[in-house]
Amino acid sequence: MPTSNPHTSPTPTQDLATTPTAQLVPANSSAPGFRGFAARRPIAALLIMVFSIGYPLMAVVVLAVNRVIPGYQLIDRLPIPPDELSGLLLTVVALLPAALYVTWAADGRDGLRQLRRRVTRWRFGVGWWLFVLTALPLLTVGAGLVLGDTLQPVDPVAFLLAQVPLLLINLLLVNLWEETAWAGVMQTRLERRHNLFAAAFLTAIPFGFAHWPLAFLGDVTPLSAVLALVGYILLGALLRPLAALSMRGARDSVLAFALLHSVFNRSNNDNGIAATLLDGDAYRVAIVTVLPVLTLAAALVLRHQLGPSYRRQLDRMATTDQPRLTHTHTEETR
């Protein structure tokens, strides 16, 4: 398990906890129209934009796939399945533009620059890189074996050549920009008022609703639709705390959050890591049991960094943007 060393230092002799609270560009609450509303209520504005844009786009795919409207043959010719097409439309046309607009309205250009730095921040500890990339698939495969699955013979080179490109495609086309909105904007702002777990659970609710249209791409009943919604929300509630802990350990890197999201997808999918290495379906239960175990382990390592006061330190780190790190628990234990 990686160790925690997440604070930046504004000067060699002055630690972050003693620095005056740094602020982003003040919200332009006096701006007219929706920009002013977004400045005053950025989370509400984000959700309004995401669902008012994303749901109609996803509905077009759902209706076409179910042959209610024309377009099924066009969708069928595309190189990606309808669920991935829906997710891509939601991310590129709704989530990412909404995240950028709300950040600009609330925090100005400085806020956009800080968000960009978090999305592209790859310089964090080797231990956290290993944790994000390997902990979930390794423990999922191990737990799957304990639960009754058996190992399948696999060509290691072919395995890597199949899984690594799919991981990068998931990350670079969807998960990185999806988490720019959910983690970089909504969850981060909630963390300023709530502890990390409460912020993650609150974000899991709209996260689940955003995925809900995917349940309507096949045969659906009222009961199956409700169960699918509950499943999406619960899955978000299991995944998002672990990813948020990884983001904290990785110097507030949204990239680390999104990468863990992609690793989860590759560990869980029908053509993913566990499905390729194991003969059986126990890995689907295994990954659900592994998530809370990893979350507990990461929370113990970061136990002094879970509250809103530490989020404020991370915000100050963003404004100073200094690479040098120091370790202090002053702010959290004060």
Protein backbone atom coordinates (compact mmCIF):
# COMPACT_ATOMS: atom_id res chain seq x y z
CA MET A 1 0.00 0.00 0.00
CA PRO A 2 1.49 3.40 -0.94
CA THR A 3 2.35 5.91 1.72
CA SER A 4 0.85 9.36 1.83
CA ASN A 5 2.91 12.49 1.19
CA PRO A 6 0.50 14.85 -0.51
CA HIS A 7 1.18 18.42 0.53
CA THR A 8 2.96 21.05 -1.48
CA SER A 9 5.14 23.69 0.09
CA PRO A 10 4.80 27.34 -0.97
CA THR A 11 8.32 28.08 0.30
CA PRO A 12 11.12 25.90 1.63
CA THR A 13 10.45 27.06 5.20
CA GLN A 14 6.68 27.55 5.25
CA ASP A 15 4.33 24.60 5.10
CA LEU A 16 0.98 24.70 3.42
CA ALA A 17 -1.11 24.52 6.57
CA THR A 18 0.17 27.89 7.75
CA THR A 19 -0.42 29.69 4.47
CA PRO A 20 -3.38 32.05 4.17
CA THR A 21 -6.32 30.35 2.56
CA ALA A 22 -5.93 30.66 -1.20
CA GLN A 23 -9.03 31.32 -3.20
CA LEU A 24 -9.95 30.68 -6.78
CA VAL A 25 -11.22 33.57 -8.86
CA PRO A 26 -14.39 34.72 -7.04
CA ALA A 27 -17.63 33.54 -8.57
CA ASN A 28 -19.15 36.14 -10.85
CA SER A 29 -22.52 35.89 -9.14
CA SER A 30 -23.63 39.22 -10.60
CA ALA A 31 -23.29 37.99 -14.20
CA PRO A 32 -26.59 37.86 -16.06
CA GLY A 33 -28.50 34.75 -17.03
CA PHE A 34 -27.29 31.19 -16.71
CA ARG A 35 -23.66 32.21 -16.17
CA GLY A 36 -24.58 33.99 -12.97
CA PHE A 37 -26.61 31.00 -11.86
CA ALA A 38 -23.67 28.69 -12.64
CA ALA A 39 -21.36 30.93 -10.62
CA ARG A 40 -23.69 30.80 -7.61
CA ARG A 41 -24.80 27.17 -7.94
CA PRO A 42 -22.10 25.33 -9.95
CA ILE A 43 -23.21 21.81 -9.00
CA ALA A 44 -26.84 22.49 -9.87
CA ALA A 45 -25.77 24.10 -13.15
CA LEU A 46 -23.56 21.13 -14.00
CA LEU A 47 -26.40 18.67 -13.45
CA ILE A 48 -28.88 20.76 -15.43
CA MET A 49 -26.52 20.88 -18.40
CA VAL A 50 -25.52 17.22 -18.21
CA PHE A 51 -29.05 15.84 -18.11
CA SER A 52 -30.72 18.38 -20.41
CA ILE A 53 -28.10 17.68 -23.10
CA GLY A 54 -27.11 14.09 -22.36
CA TYR A 55 -30.50 12.45 -21.89
CA PRO A 56 -31.93 13.54 -25.28
CA LEU A 57 -28.79 12.36 -27.06
CA MET A 58 -28.86 8.99 -25.32
CA ALA A 59 -32.59 8.73 -25.95
CA VAL A 60 -31.97 8.99 -29.70
CA VAL A 61 -29.65 5.98 -29.52
CA VAL A 62 -32.11 4.04 -27.35
CA LEU A 63 -35.04 4.77 -29.67
CA ALA A 64 -33.03 3.88 -32.76
CA VAL A 65 -31.75 0.62 -31.28
CA ASN A 66 -35.31 -0.35 -30.34
CA ARG A 67 -36.43 0.66 -33.87
CA VAL A 68 -38.87 3.29 -32.63
CA ILE A 69 -37.18 5.82 -34.91
CA PRO A 70 -34.95 5.30 -37.99
CA GLY A 71 -31.23 4.91 -37.50
CA TYR A 72 -30.66 1.36 -36.30
CA GLN A 73 -28.81 0.32 -39.44
CA LEU A 74 -26.47 3.31 -39.15
CA ILE A 75 -25.72 2.54 -35.49
CA ASP A 76 -25.23 -1.13 -36.34
CA ARG A 77 -22.52 -0.21 -38.88
CA LEU A 78 -20.49 1.77 -36.35
CA PRO A 79 -17.32 0.15 -34.95
CA ILE A 80 -18.55 0.57 -31.35
CA PRO A 81 -21.63 -0.99 -29.69
CA PRO A 82 -24.64 1.18 -28.80
CA ASP A 83 -23.81 1.35 -25.08
CA GLU A 84 -20.34 2.72 -25.80
CA LEU A 85 -21.78 5.15 -28.36
CA SER A 86 -24.23 6.43 -25.75
CA GLY A 87 -21.47 6.84 -23.19
CA LEU A 88 -19.26 8.65 -25.67
CA LEU A 89 -22.05 11.09 -26.60
CA LEU A 90 -22.84 11.75 -22.96
CA THR A 91 -19.19 12.42 -22.18
CA VAL A 92 -18.09 14.48 -25.17
CA VAL A 93 -21.25 16.51 -25.78
CA ALA A 94 -22.65 16.88 -22.26
CA LEU A 95 -20.27 16.10 -19.38
CA LEU A 96 -17.07 17.72 -20.61
CA PRO A 97 -18.64 20.94 -21.97
CA ALA A 98 -20.71 21.29 -18.79
CA ALA A 99 -17.62 20.85 -16.61
CA LEU A 100 -15.66 23.46 -18.54
CA TYR A 101 -18.52 25.95 -18.64
CA VAL A 102 -19.32 25.67 -14.94
CA THR A 103 -15.66 25.96 -13.97
CA TRP A 104 -15.27 29.06 -16.15
CA ALA A 105 -18.45 30.64 -14.78
CA ALA A 106 -17.58 29.95 -11.15
CA ASP A 107 -13.77 30.24 -11.11
CA GLY A 108 -12.78 32.05 -14.29
CA ARG A 109 -9.77 31.26 -16.44
CA ASP A 110 -7.63 30.46 -13.42
CA GLY A 111 -10.11 27.76 -12.48
CA LEU A 112 -9.90 26.26 -15.97
CA ARG A 113 -6.10 26.23 -15.79
CA GLN A 114 -6.19 24.53 -12.40
CA LEU A 115 -8.66 21.94 -13.66
CA ARG A 116 -6.46 21.27 -16.69
CA ARG A 117 -3.42 20.74 -14.45
CA ARG A 118 -5.35 18.24 -12.33
CA VAL A 119 -6.59 16.35 -15.40
CA THR A 120 -3.07 16.03 -16.82
CA ARG A 121 -1.18 15.53 -13.54
CA TRP A 122 0.84 12.34 -13.95
CA ARG A 123 3.69 13.16 -11.56
CA PHE A 124 2.69 11.42 -8.38
CA GLY A 125 4.24 8.64 -6.32
CA VAL A 126 5.23 5.33 -7.87
CA GLY A 127 3.35 3.57 -5.08
CA TRP A 128 0.09 5.21 -6.09
CA TRP A 129 0.74 4.40 -9.75
CA LEU A 130 1.14 0.73 -8.80
CA PHE A 131 -1.93 0.86 -6.57
CA VAL A 132 -4.14 2.39 -9.27
CA LEU A 133 -2.94 0.08 -12.04
CA THR A 134 -2.59 -3.27 -10.28
CA ALA A 135 -4.43 -3.52 -6.94
CA LEU A 136 -7.94 -3.96 -8.31
CA PRO A 137 -7.23 -6.52 -11.08
CA LEU A 138 -4.82 -8.55 -8.94
CA LEU A 139 -7.16 -8.81 -5.97
CA THR A 140 -10.17 -9.44 -8.23
CA VAL A 141 -8.43 -12.37 -9.89
CA GLY A 142 -7.23 -13.66 -6.53
CA ALA A 143 -10.68 -13.40 -4.96
CA GLY A 144 -12.21 -15.04 -8.03
CA LEU A 145 -9.91 -18.03 -7.55
CA VAL A 146 -10.89 -18.26 -3.89
CA LEU A 147 -14.57 -18.18 -4.86
CA GLY A 148 -14.21 -21.07 -7.30
CA ASP A 149 -12.99 -19.77 -10.65
CA THR A 150 -9.97 -21.44 -12.25
CA LEU A 151 -7.09 -19.94 -14.20
CA GLN A 152 -7.13 -20.24 -17.98
CA PRO A 153 -3.96 -20.59 -20.08
CA VAL A 154 -3.20 -17.20 -21.63
CA ASP A 155 -0.45 -15.97 -23.92
CA PRO A 156 1.01 -13.05 -21.90
CA VAL A 157 1.99 -11.03 -24.96
CA ALA A 158 -1.43 -11.43 -26.60
CA PHE A 159 -3.08 -10.64 -23.27
CA LEU A 160 -1.20 -7.35 -22.88
CA LEU A 161 -1.68 -6.42 -26.54
CA ALA A 162 -5.43 -6.84 -26.07
CA GLN A 163 -5.94 -5.27 -22.65
CA VAL A 164 -3.58 -2.26 -22.73
CA PRO A 165 -5.06 -0.67 -25.89
CA LEU A 166 -8.59 -1.18 -24.58
CA LEU A 167 -7.59 0.43 -21.28
CA LEU A 168 -6.11 3.44 -23.07
CA ILE A 169 -9.13 3.79 -25.35
CA ASN A 170 -11.49 3.74 -22.37
CA LEU A 171 -9.34 6.28 -20.55
CA LEU A 172 -8.65 8.73 -23.36
CA LEU A 173 -12.05 8.66 -25.07
CA VAL A 174 -14.41 8.48 -22.10
CA ASN A 175 -13.25 8.06 -18.52
CA LEU A 176 -10.77 10.95 -18.35
CA TRP A 177 -13.33 13.48 -19.61
CA GLU A 178 -16.20 11.86 -17.72
CA GLU A 179 -14.27 12.22 -14.47
CA THR A 180 -13.27 15.77 -15.35
CA ALA A 181 -16.94 16.52 -14.65
CA TRP A 182 -17.83 14.06 -11.89
CA ALA A 183 -14.55 14.04 -9.95
CA GLY A 184 -12.90 17.27 -11.04
CA VAL A 185 -15.96 19.47 -10.60
CA MET A 186 -18.86 17.94 -8.70
CA GLN A 187 -17.10 15.64 -6.25
CA THR A 188 -14.33 18.17 -5.59
CA ARG A 189 -16.83 20.91 -4.75
CA LEU A 190 -18.81 18.59 -2.49
CA GLU A 191 -15.58 17.71 -0.67
CA ARG A 192 -15.28 21.35 0.40
CA ARG A 193 -18.40 20.86 2.54
CA HIS A 194 -18.40 17.13 3.30
CA ASN A 195 -15.88 14.41 4.02
CA LEU A 196 -14.55 12.36 1.14
CA PHE A 197 -17.01 9.49 1.58
CA ALA A 198 -20.11 11.67 1.79
CA ALA A 199 -19.01 13.55 -1.35
CA ALA A 200 -18.45 10.27 -3.18
CA PHE A 201 -21.84 8.85 -2.18
CA LEU A 202 -23.66 12.05 -3.15
CA THR A 203 -21.93 12.06 -6.55
CA ALA A 204 -22.85 8.40 -7.07
CA ILE A 205 -26.55 9.34 -7.32
CA PRO A 206 -26.40 11.52 -10.47
CA PHE A 207 -23.58 9.28 -11.75
CA GLY A 208 -26.01 6.36 -11.60
CA PHE A 209 -28.84 8.31 -13.21
CA ALA A 210 -26.50 9.39 -16.04
CA HIS A 211 -25.84 5.72 -16.84
CA TRP A 212 -29.49 4.69 -16.52
CA PRO A 213 -30.43 5.04 -20.24
CA LEU A 214 -27.99 2.20 -20.97
CA ALA A 215 -30.48 -0.17 -19.33
CA PHE A 216 -33.01 0.61 -22.08
CA LEU A 217 -30.79 -0.57 -24.95
CA GLY A 218 -32.09 -4.12 -24.63
CA ASP A 219 -35.23 -5.86 -23.42
CA VAL A 220 -36.49 -3.97 -20.39
CA THR A 221 -39.36 -4.17 -17.93
CA PRO A 222 -40.32 -1.64 -15.23
CA LEU A 223 -38.74 -3.86 -12.61
CA SER A 224 -35.51 -4.40 -14.56
CA ALA A 225 -35.26 -0.65 -15.19
CA VAL A 226 -35.57 0.13 -11.47
CA LEU A 227 -33.07 -2.58 -10.56
CA ALA A 228 -30.64 -1.27 -13.16
CA LEU A 229 -30.83 2.24 -11.70
CA VAL A 230 -30.23 0.93 -8.19
CA GLY A 231 -27.32 -1.14 -9.51
CA TYR A 232 -25.69 1.84 -11.22
CA ILE A 233 -25.97 3.97 -8.08
CA LEU A 234 -24.63 1.21 -5.84
CA LEU A 235 -21.76 0.56 -8.22
CA GLY A 236 -20.89 4.25 -8.13
CA ALA A 237 -21.10 4.21 -4.33
CA LEU A 238 -18.59 1.34 -4.25
CA LEU A 239 -16.18 2.68 -6.86
CA ARG A 240 -16.14 6.42 -6.25
CA PRO A 241 -14.76 6.44 -2.69
CA LEU A 242 -11.81 4.27 -3.74
CA ALA A 243 -11.12 6.43 -6.77
CA ALA A 244 -11.40 9.58 -4.64
CA LEU A 245 -8.86 8.18 -2.19
CA SER A 246 -6.55 7.46 -5.10
CA MET A 247 -6.99 11.06 -6.28
CA ARG A 248 -6.02 12.33 -2.83
CA GLY A 249 -2.98 10.10 -2.63
CA ALA A 250 -1.94 11.12 -6.14
CA ARG A 251 -1.68 14.86 -5.42
CA ASP A 252 -5.29 15.57 -6.40
CA SER A 253 -4.82 14.07 -9.86
CA VAL A 254 -8.07 13.62 -11.79
CA LEU A 255 -6.01 11.44 -14.12
CA ALA A 256 -5.45 8.97 -11.26
CA PHE A 257 -9.20 8.92 -10.53
CA ALA A 258 -10.07 8.33 -14.18
CA LEU A 259 -7.36 5.70 -14.60
CA LEU A 260 -8.71 3.70 -11.66
CA HIS A 261 -12.17 3.98 -13.22
CA SER A 262 -10.76 2.55 -16.46
CA VAL A 263 -8.92 -0.22 -14.60
CA PHE A 264 -12.19 -1.12 -12.87
CA ASN A 265 -13.94 -1.36 -16.25
CA ARG A 266 -11.16 -3.54 -17.66
CA SER A 267 -11.25 -5.75 -14.56
CA ASN A 268 -15.01 -6.21 -14.71
CA ASN A 269 -15.98 -6.27 -18.40
CA ASP A 270 -16.89 -9.44 -20.30
CA ASN A 271 -13.70 -9.11 -22.35
CA GLY A 272 -11.67 -7.70 -19.48
CA ILE A 273 -8.75 -8.86 -17.38
CA ALA A 274 -10.57 -11.18 -14.97
CA ALA A 275 -12.82 -12.65 -17.67
CA THR A 276 -9.76 -13.46 -19.79
CA LEU A 277 -7.67 -14.96 -17.01
CA LEU A 278 -10.41 -16.88 -15.21
CA ASP A 279 -12.78 -19.66 -16.19
CA GLY A 280 -16.06 -18.90 -14.41
CA ASP A 281 -18.18 -15.96 -13.33
CA ALA A 282 -17.17 -15.67 -9.67
CA TYR A 283 -15.00 -12.65 -10.53
CA ARG A 284 -18.20 -10.58 -10.80
CA VAL A 285 -18.83 -11.20 -7.11
CA ALA A 286 -15.13 -10.92 -6.33
CA ILE A 287 -14.75 -7.38 -7.60
CA VAL A 288 -17.68 -6.21 -5.47
CA THR A 289 -16.01 -7.65 -2.37
CA VAL A 290 -12.57 -6.31 -3.29
CA LEU A 291 -13.70 -2.69 -3.71
CA PRO A 292 -14.59 -2.06 -0.04
CA VAL A 293 -11.45 -3.90 1.12
CA LEU A 294 -9.20 -1.66 -0.99
CA THR A 295 -11.20 1.38 0.07
CA LEU A 296 -10.68 0.56 3.74
CA ALA A 297 -6.95 0.01 3.21
CA ALA A 298 -6.52 3.31 1.34
CA ALA A 299 -8.64 5.15 3.92
CA LEU A 300 -6.37 3.92 6.71
CA VAL A 301 -3.31 5.21 4.88
CA LEU A 302 -5.00 8.58 4.25
CA ARG A 303 -6.91 8.69 7.54
CA HIS A 304 -5.71 12.24 8.34
CA GLN A 305 -6.73 13.55 4.91
CA LEU A 306 -10.41 12.69 4.54
CA GLY A 307 -12.15 15.88 5.66
CA PRO A 308 -13.04 19.22 4.09
CA SER A 309 -10.02 20.93 5.70
CA TYR A 310 -7.67 18.77 3.65
CA ARG A 311 -9.62 19.58 0.49
CA ARG A 312 -8.93 23.24 1.24
CA GLN A 313 -5.23 22.43 1.48
CA LEU A 314 -5.42 20.77 -1.92
CA ASP A 315 -7.12 23.88 -3.29
CA ARG A 316 -4.27 25.98 -1.91
CA MET A 317 -1.83 23.57 -3.51
CA ALA A 318 -3.58 24.19 -6.83
CA THR A 319 -3.21 27.96 -6.54
CA THR A 320 0.48 27.80 -5.61
CA ASP A 321 1.09 24.96 -8.14
CA GLN A 322 4.41 23.99 -6.58
CA PRO A 323 5.77 20.49 -7.17
CA ARG A 324 7.64 20.14 -3.87
CA LEU A 325 5.81 18.10 -1.22
CA THR A 326 5.86 18.16 2.56
CA HIS A 327 3.93 16.15 5.11
CA THR A 328 1.73 17.72 7.75
CA HIS A 329 -1.38 16.80 9.66
CA THR A 330 -1.75 20.26 11.24
CA GLU A 331 -4.79 21.38 9.30
CA GLU A 332 -6.73 18.15 9.68
CA THR A 333 -6.05 17.72 13.40
CA ARG A 334 -6.29 21.36 14.39
